[in-house]
C-alpha atoms as a PDB file:
ATOM      1  CA  MET A   1      98.952 107.301 114.263  1.00  0.00           C
ATOM      2  CA  GLY A   2      99.935 106.240 110.758  1.00  0.00           C
ATOM      3  CA  CYS A   3      96.609 107.642 109.558  1.00  0.00           C
ATOM      4  CA  GLY A   4      97.075 107.109 105.816  1.00  0.00           C
ATOM      5  CA  TYR A   5      94.619 109.338 103.967  1.00  0.00           C
ATOM      6  CA  GLY A   6      92.802 110.031 107.234  1.00  0.00           C
ATOM      7  CA  PHE A   7      89.503 108.273 106.655  1.00  0.00           C
ATOM      8  CA  MET A   8      89.237 107.245 110.318  1.00  0.00           C
ATOM      9  CA  VAL A   9      89.995 110.830 111.318  1.00  0.00           C
ATOM     10  CA  HIS A  10      87.069 111.836 109.119  1.00  0.00           C
ATOM     11  CA  VAL A  11      84.865 109.197 110.795  1.00  0.00           C
ATOM     12  CA  ALA A  12      85.817 110.482 114.262  1.00  0.00           C
ATOM     13  CA  GLU A  13      84.900 114.007 113.204  1.00  0.00           C
ATOM     14  CA  SER A  14      81.744 113.336 111.178  1.00  0.00           C
ATOM     15  CA  GLU A  15      80.171 110.416 113.056  1.00  0.00           C
ATOM     16  CA  PHE A  16      81.398 110.894 116.619  1.00  0.00           C
ATOM     17  CA  GLY A  17      81.662 114.683 116.838  1.00  0.00           C
ATOM     18  CA  CYS A  18      85.372 114.831 117.635  1.00  0.00           C
ATOM     19  CA  LYS A  19      86.336 118.508 117.309  1.00  0.00           C
ATOM     20  CA  ASP A  20      90.102 118.239 117.809  1.00  0.00           C
ATOM     21  CA  ALA A  21      91.107 115.068 115.987  1.00  0.00           C
ATOM     22  CA  LEU A  22      94.633 114.738 114.631  1.00  0.00           C
ATOM     23  CA  GLY A  23      96.021 112.285 112.101  1.00  0.00           C
ATOM     24  CA  ILE A  24      99.755 111.885 111.538  1.00  0.00           C
ATOM     25  CA  THR A  25     101.471 110.364 108.524  1.00  0.00           C
ATOM     26  CA  LEU A  26     104.851 110.405 106.785  1.00  0.00           C
ATOM     27  CA  SER A  27     103.262 111.109 103.377  1.00  0.00           C
ATOM     28  CA  GLN A  28     102.827 114.690 102.202  1.00  0.00           C
ATOM     29  CA  ASN A  29     100.480 113.448  99.475  1.00  0.00           C
ATOM     30  CA  GLN A  30      98.179 111.972 102.128  1.00  0.00           C
ATOM     31  CA  VAL A  31      98.176 115.263 104.031  1.00  0.00           C
ATOM     32  CA  ASP A  32      97.387 117.237 100.874  1.00  0.00           C
ATOM     33  CA  THR A  33      94.639 114.974  99.493  1.00  0.00           C
ATOM     34  CA  GLY A  34      93.285 113.183 102.575  1.00  0.00           C
ATOM     35  CA  PHE A  35      89.741 112.909 103.974  1.00  0.00           C
ATOM     36  CA  SER A  36      90.350 115.460 106.754  1.00  0.00           C
ATOM     37  CA  LYS A  37      91.988 118.854 107.055  1.00  0.00           C
ATOM     38  CA  ASN A  38      93.462 117.783 110.392  1.00  0.00           C
ATOM     39  CA  LEU A  39      96.312 115.672 109.034  1.00  0.00           C
ATOM     40  CA  LYS A  40      99.953 116.515 109.693  1.00  0.00           C
ATOM     41  CA  LEU A  41     103.287 115.343 108.349  1.00  0.00           C
ATOM     42  CA  LEU A  42     104.816 113.985 111.561  1.00  0.00           C
ATOM     43  CA  HIS A  43     106.782 111.025 112.859  1.00  0.00           C
ATOM     44  CA  TYR A  44     105.094 109.640 115.970  1.00  0.00           C
ATOM     45  CA  MET A  45     108.186 110.412 118.086  1.00  0.00           C
ATOM     46  CA  GLN A  46     107.738 114.114 117.223  1.00  0.00           C
ATOM     47  CA  LEU A  47     104.591 114.185 119.377  1.00  0.00           C
ATOM     48  CA  GLU A  48     105.653 115.122 122.886  1.00  0.00           C
ATOM     49  CA  PRO A  49     104.387 112.634 125.521  1.00  0.00           C
ATOM     50  CA  LYS A  50     102.508 115.227 127.608  1.00  0.00           C
ATOM     51  CA  GLU A  51      99.397 113.139 128.366  1.00  0.00           C
ATOM     52  CA  GLN A  52      97.433 115.216 125.862  1.00  0.00           C
ATOM     53  CA  PHE A  53      95.102 112.692 124.162  1.00  0.00           C
ATOM     54  CA  ASP A  54      91.880 111.017 125.309  1.00  0.00           C
ATOM     55  CA  LYS A  55      92.060 108.256 122.710  1.00  0.00           C
ATOM     56  CA  ILE A  56      94.593 106.995 120.190  1.00  0.00           C
ATOM     57  CA  TYR A  57      93.789 104.792 117.194  1.00  0.00           C
ATOM     58  CA  THR A  58      96.511 103.075 115.211  1.00  0.00           C
ATOM     59  CA  CYS A  59      95.793 100.845 112.204  1.00  0.00           C
ATOM     60  CA  GLY A  60      98.595  98.728 110.755  1.00  0.00           C
ATOM     61  CA  MET A  61     101.308 101.083 112.008  1.00  0.00           C
ATOM     62  CA  ILE A  62     102.793  98.450 114.320  1.00  0.00           C
ATOM     63  CA  SER A  63     103.528  96.158 111.349  1.00  0.00           C
ATOM     64  CA  HIS A  64     105.820  98.792 109.857  1.00  0.00           C
ATOM     65  CA  LEU A  65     108.122  98.904 112.882  1.00  0.00           C
ATOM     66  CA  ASN A  66     111.058  96.588 113.340  1.00  0.00           C
ATOM     67  CA  LYS A  67     111.108  94.372 116.420  1.00  0.00           C
ATOM     68  CA  ALA A  68     113.373  96.760 118.329  1.00  0.00           C
ATOM     69  CA  GLU A  69     110.830  99.602 118.068  1.00  0.00           C
ATOM     70  CA  VAL A  70     107.627  97.916 119.257  1.00  0.00           C
ATOM     71  CA  ARG A  71     108.200  98.458 122.989  1.00  0.00           C
ATOM     72  CA  GLN A  72     109.259 102.062 122.345  1.00  0.00           C
ATOM     73  CA  TYR A  73     106.095 102.599 120.292  1.00  0.00           C
ATOM     74  CA  TYR A  74     103.717 101.421 123.017  1.00  0.00           C
ATOM     75  CA  ARG A  75     105.661 103.318 125.674  1.00  0.00           C
ATOM     76  CA  HIS A  76     105.414 106.526 123.657  1.00  0.00           C
ATOM     77  CA  ILE A  77     101.653 106.059 123.157  1.00  0.00           C
ATOM     78  CA  TYR A  78     101.316 105.511 126.913  1.00  0.00           C
ATOM     79  CA  GLY A  79     102.971 108.884 127.510  1.00  0.00           C
ATOM     80  CA  LEU A  80     100.680 110.601 125.009  1.00  0.00           C
ATOM     81  CA  LEU A  81      97.475 109.415 126.684  1.00  0.00           C
ATOM     82  CA  LYS A  82      95.750 111.057 129.622  1.00  0.00           C
ATOM     83  CA  LYS A  83      95.049 108.885 132.662  1.00  0.00           C
ATOM     84  CA  GLY A  84      92.130 106.653 131.734  1.00  0.00           C
ATOM     85  CA  GLY A  85      92.840 107.251 128.046  1.00  0.00           C
ATOM     86  CA  LYS A  86      92.285 104.405 125.600  1.00  0.00           C
ATOM     87  CA  LEU A  87      94.353 102.847 122.848  1.00  0.00           C
ATOM     88  CA  TRP A  88      92.732 100.973 119.954  1.00  0.00           C
ATOM     89  CA  ALA A  89      95.437  99.069 118.062  1.00  0.00           C
ATOM     90  CA  HIS A  90      94.709  97.205 114.836  1.00  0.00           C
ATOM     91  CA  MET A  91      97.432  95.069 113.259  1.00  0.00           C
ATOM     92  CA  ILE A  92      98.528  92.066 111.240  1.00  0.00           C
ATOM     93  CA  SER A  93      99.477  89.450 113.813  1.00  0.00           C
ATOM     94  CA  PRO A  94     100.139  85.790 112.931  1.00  0.00           C
ATOM     95  CA  PRO A  95      99.025  82.892 115.136  1.00  0.00           C
ATOM     96  CA  ALA A  96     101.507  81.598 117.689  1.00  0.00           C
ATOM     97  CA  ASN A  97     103.101  78.280 116.757  1.00  0.00           C
ATOM     98  CA  PRO A  98     105.381  75.801 118.569  1.00  0.00           C
ATOM     99  CA  ALA A  99     108.058  76.084 115.872  1.00  0.00           C
ATOM    100  CA  ARG A 100     108.359  79.826 116.589  1.00  0.00           C
ATOM    101  CA  LEU A 101     107.955  80.621 112.894  1.00  0.00           C
ATOM    102  CA  ASN A 102     107.713  84.308 112.084  1.00  0.00           C
ATOM    103  CA  ASN A 103     108.144  86.617 109.154  1.00  0.00           C
ATOM    104  CA  TYR A 104     111.922  86.553 109.536  1.00  0.00           C
ATOM    105  CA  ASN A 105     112.301  82.800 109.047  1.00  0.00           C
ATOM    106  CA  THR A 106     109.565  81.720 106.630  1.00  0.00           C
ATOM    107  CA  ILE A 107     109.478  81.915 102.844  1.00  0.00           C
ATOM    108  CA  SER A 108     106.255  83.938 102.799  1.00  0.00           C
ATOM    109  CA  GLY A 109     107.640  86.311 105.430  1.00  0.00           C
ATOM    110  CA  THR A 110     110.955  87.027 103.736  1.00  0.00           C
ATOM    111  CA  PHE A 111     109.128  87.447 100.401  1.00  0.00           C
ATOM    112  CA  SER A 112     106.789  89.979 102.005  1.00  0.00           C
ATOM    113  CA  GLN A 113     109.702  91.848 103.591  1.00  0.00           C
ATOM    114  CA  LYS A 114     111.526  92.087 100.291  1.00  0.00           C
ATOM    115  CA  TYR A 115     108.643  93.085  98.036  1.00  0.00           C
ATOM    116  CA  VAL A 116     105.650  94.271 100.101  1.00  0.00           C
ATOM    117  CA  PHE A 117     106.389  95.560 103.617  1.00  0.00           C
ATOM    118  CA  PRO A 118     110.119  96.319 103.894  1.00  0.00           C
ATOM    119  CA  ASP A 119     111.639  95.775 107.344  1.00  0.00           C
ATOM    120  CA  HIS A 120     108.365  94.899 109.045  1.00  0.00           C
ATOM    121  CA  TYR A 121     107.904  92.427 111.877  1.00  0.00           C
ATOM    122  CA  GLN A 122     104.730  90.648 112.933  1.00  0.00           C
ATOM    123  CA  PHE A 123     104.244  89.540 116.541  1.00  0.00           C
ATOM    124  CA  PRO A 124     101.644  87.010 117.727  1.00  0.00           C
ATOM    125  CA  ALA A 125      98.905  88.361 119.998  1.00  0.00           C
ATOM    126  CA  HIS A 126     100.466  87.184 123.268  1.00  0.00           C
ATOM    127  CA  THR A 127     103.584  89.250 122.573  1.00  0.00           C
ATOM    128  CA  HIS A 128     101.507  92.424 122.198  1.00  0.00           C
ATOM    129  CA  VAL A 129      99.598  91.669 125.402  1.00  0.00           C
ATOM    130  CA  LYS A 130     102.846  91.136 127.336  1.00  0.00           C
ATOM    131  CA  ILE A 131     104.424  94.391 126.118  1.00  0.00           C
ATOM    132  CA  LEU A 132     101.226  96.403 126.655  1.00  0.00           C
ATOM    133  CA  GLU A 133     100.822  95.145 130.224  1.00  0.00           C
ATOM    134  CA  GLU A 134     104.499  95.653 131.038  1.00  0.00           C
ATOM    135  CA  THR A 135     104.138  99.217 129.751  1.00  0.00           C
ATOM    136  CA  GLY A 136     101.294  99.826 132.202  1.00  0.00           C
ATOM    137  CA  PHE A 137      98.206  99.355 130.044  1.00  0.00           C
ATOM    138  CA  LYS A 138      95.142  97.410 131.145  1.00  0.00           C
ATOM    139  CA  ILE A 139      93.898  95.124 128.386  1.00  0.00           C
ATOM    140  CA  LYS A 140      90.147  95.608 128.035  1.00  0.00           C
ATOM    141  CA  GLU A 141      89.307  93.614 124.890  1.00  0.00           C
ATOM    142  CA  VAL A 142      91.072  91.498 122.252  1.00  0.00           C
ATOM    143  CA  TYR A 143      89.375  90.855 118.910  1.00  0.00           C
ATOM    144  CA  PHE A 144      90.266  88.232 116.301  1.00  0.00           C
ATOM    145  CA  ARG A 145      88.916  89.319 112.902  1.00  0.00           C
ATOM    146  CA  TYR A 146      88.760  86.044 111.001  1.00  0.00           C
ATOM    147  CA  GLY A 147      88.563  86.500 107.240  1.00  0.00           C
ATOM    148  CA  HIS A 148      88.488  90.308 107.308  1.00  0.00           C
ATOM    149  CA  TYR A 149      91.931  90.732 105.789  1.00  0.00           C
ATOM    150  CA  ALA A 150      91.091  88.208 103.069  1.00  0.00           C
ATOM    151  CA  LYS A 151      88.017  90.212 102.098  1.00  0.00           C
ATOM    152  CA  THR A 152      90.049  93.433 102.027  1.00  0.00           C
ATOM    153  CA  LEU A 153      92.746  91.838  99.898  1.00  0.00           C
ATOM    154  CA  ARG A 154      90.207  90.600  97.354  1.00  0.00           C
ATOM    155  CA  HIS A 155      88.988  94.180  96.946  1.00  0.00           C
ATOM    156  CA  TRP A 156      92.577  95.404  96.668  1.00  0.00           C
ATOM    157  CA  TYR A 157      93.414  92.776  94.058  1.00  0.00           C
ATOM    158  CA  ARG A 158      90.442  93.644  91.866  1.00  0.00           C
ATOM    159  CA  ARG A 159      91.393  97.315  91.965  1.00  0.00           C
ATOM    160  CA  TYR A 160      95.060  96.492  91.404  1.00  0.00           C
ATOM    161  CA  VAL A 161      94.239  94.570  88.219  1.00  0.00           C
ATOM    162  CA  ASP A 162      91.732  97.184  87.031  1.00  0.00           C
ATOM    163  CA  ASN A 163      94.292  99.976  87.434  1.00  0.00           C
ATOM    164  CA  LEU A 164      97.342  98.212  85.999  1.00  0.00           C
ATOM    165  CA  PRO A 165      96.900  99.709  82.514  1.00  0.00           C
ATOM    166  CA  ARG A 166      97.302 103.162  84.105  1.00  0.00           C
ATOM    167  CA  THR A 167      99.965 102.303  86.684  1.00  0.00           C
ATOM    168  CA  ARG A 168     102.172  99.643  85.078  1.00  0.00           C
ATOM    169  CA  HIS A 169     104.672 102.279  83.913  1.00  0.00           C
ATOM    170  CA  MET A 170     105.344 103.154  87.576  1.00  0.00           C
ATOM    171  CA  ILE A 171     106.616  99.683  88.582  1.00  0.00           C
ATOM    172  CA  THR A 172     108.935  96.948  87.348  1.00  0.00           C
ATOM    173  CA  PRO A 173     107.719  93.577  86.017  1.00  0.00           C
ATOM    174  CA  VAL A 174     109.158  91.937  89.160  1.00  0.00           C
ATOM    175  CA  ILE A 175     107.123  94.184  91.468  1.00  0.00           C
ATOM    176  CA  GLU A 176     104.012  93.675  89.334  1.00  0.00           C
ATOM    177  CA  ARG A 177     104.361  89.892  89.660  1.00  0.00           C
ATOM    178  CA  ALA A 178     105.160  90.126  93.377  1.00  0.00           C
ATOM    179  CA  TRP A 179     101.935  91.982  94.098  1.00  0.00           C
ATOM    180  CA  HIS A 180      99.914  89.477  92.065  1.00  0.00           C
ATOM    181  CA  LEU A 181     101.379  86.728  94.253  1.00  0.00           C
ATOM    182  CA  TYR A 182     101.003  88.570  97.557  1.00  0.00           C
ATOM    183  CA  LEU A 183      97.415  89.732  97.101  1.00  0.00           C
ATOM    184  CA  THR A 184      96.179  86.308  95.972  1.00  0.00           C
ATOM    185  CA  TYR A 185      98.183  84.182  98.434  1.00  0.00           C
ATOM    186  CA  ALA A 186      97.485  86.325 101.496  1.00  0.00           C
ATOM    187  CA  SER A 187      93.755  86.430 100.744  1.00  0.00           C
ATOM    188  CA  ALA A 188      93.695  82.622 100.833  1.00  0.00           C
ATOM    189  CA  LEU A 189      95.824  82.437 103.991  1.00  0.00           C
ATOM    190  CA  ASP A 190      93.515  84.474 106.240  1.00  0.00           C
ATOM    191  CA  GLY A 191      90.549  82.481 107.468  1.00  0.00           C
ATOM    192  CA  PRO A 192      89.190  80.193 110.211  1.00  0.00           C
ATOM    193  CA  GLY A 193      92.523  78.395 110.527  1.00  0.00           C
ATOM    194  CA  GLY A 194      94.377  81.478 111.686  1.00  0.00           C
ATOM    195  CA  SER A 195      93.278  85.092 111.829  1.00  0.00           C
ATOM    196  CA  VAL A 196      95.953  87.572 110.846  1.00  0.00           C
ATOM    197  CA  LEU A 197      94.007  90.644 111.962  1.00  0.00           C
ATOM    198  CA  LYS A 198      93.988  91.355 115.691  1.00  0.00           C
ATOM    199  CA  GLN A 199      92.624  94.379 117.545  1.00  0.00           C
ATOM    200  CA  PHE A 200      93.431  95.410 121.119  1.00  0.00           C
ATOM    201  CA  LEU A 201      91.550  97.846 123.308  1.00  0.00           C
ATOM    202  CA  ALA A 202      93.769  98.965 126.182  1.00  0.00           C
ATOM    203  CA  GLU A 203      93.413 101.618 128.897  1.00  0.00           C
ATOM    204  CA  LYS A 204      96.015 103.692 130.694  1.00  0.00           C
END
């Protein structure tokens, strides 16, 4: 769900022998030029919850939903899975804090919402666990990927700078500066003090 260019669909097919994989995205360009032929232009709610899937993988999709949609999202996935089916959810998830700071009430969060991820909301891990269990899932594993996002962002930043001569005409100076700030700041933020990447393995 939210497969992007479908590289993980390709991995499921080529490395794990999955013969009926499906990736869904809202980008026609990703469907047309992706890593797999089994990509479709679909909103996740267009998949009927008929207990039709053995496994569902979602990477980053949850961070693009507003806070009112998160429970609906997990409930819909639950309906799509067969009994005993597994969900692997990968997301940006900030550490819990006593001040209840989140990306709606911090400078970095509101900056990110305005320039990077419009209308997104990031829940701490315990919120995901609560909603998943209330939905009916059994939590099997929780992984904290310290430093992984920082490493990814450093790769992104290098490619961003390398490609600017070819892409600068597509963006405004404000957006160009915003992405310089985001990619460098966020790469420094993720580390031993607080992992932003969390992964959940849950079973129906």
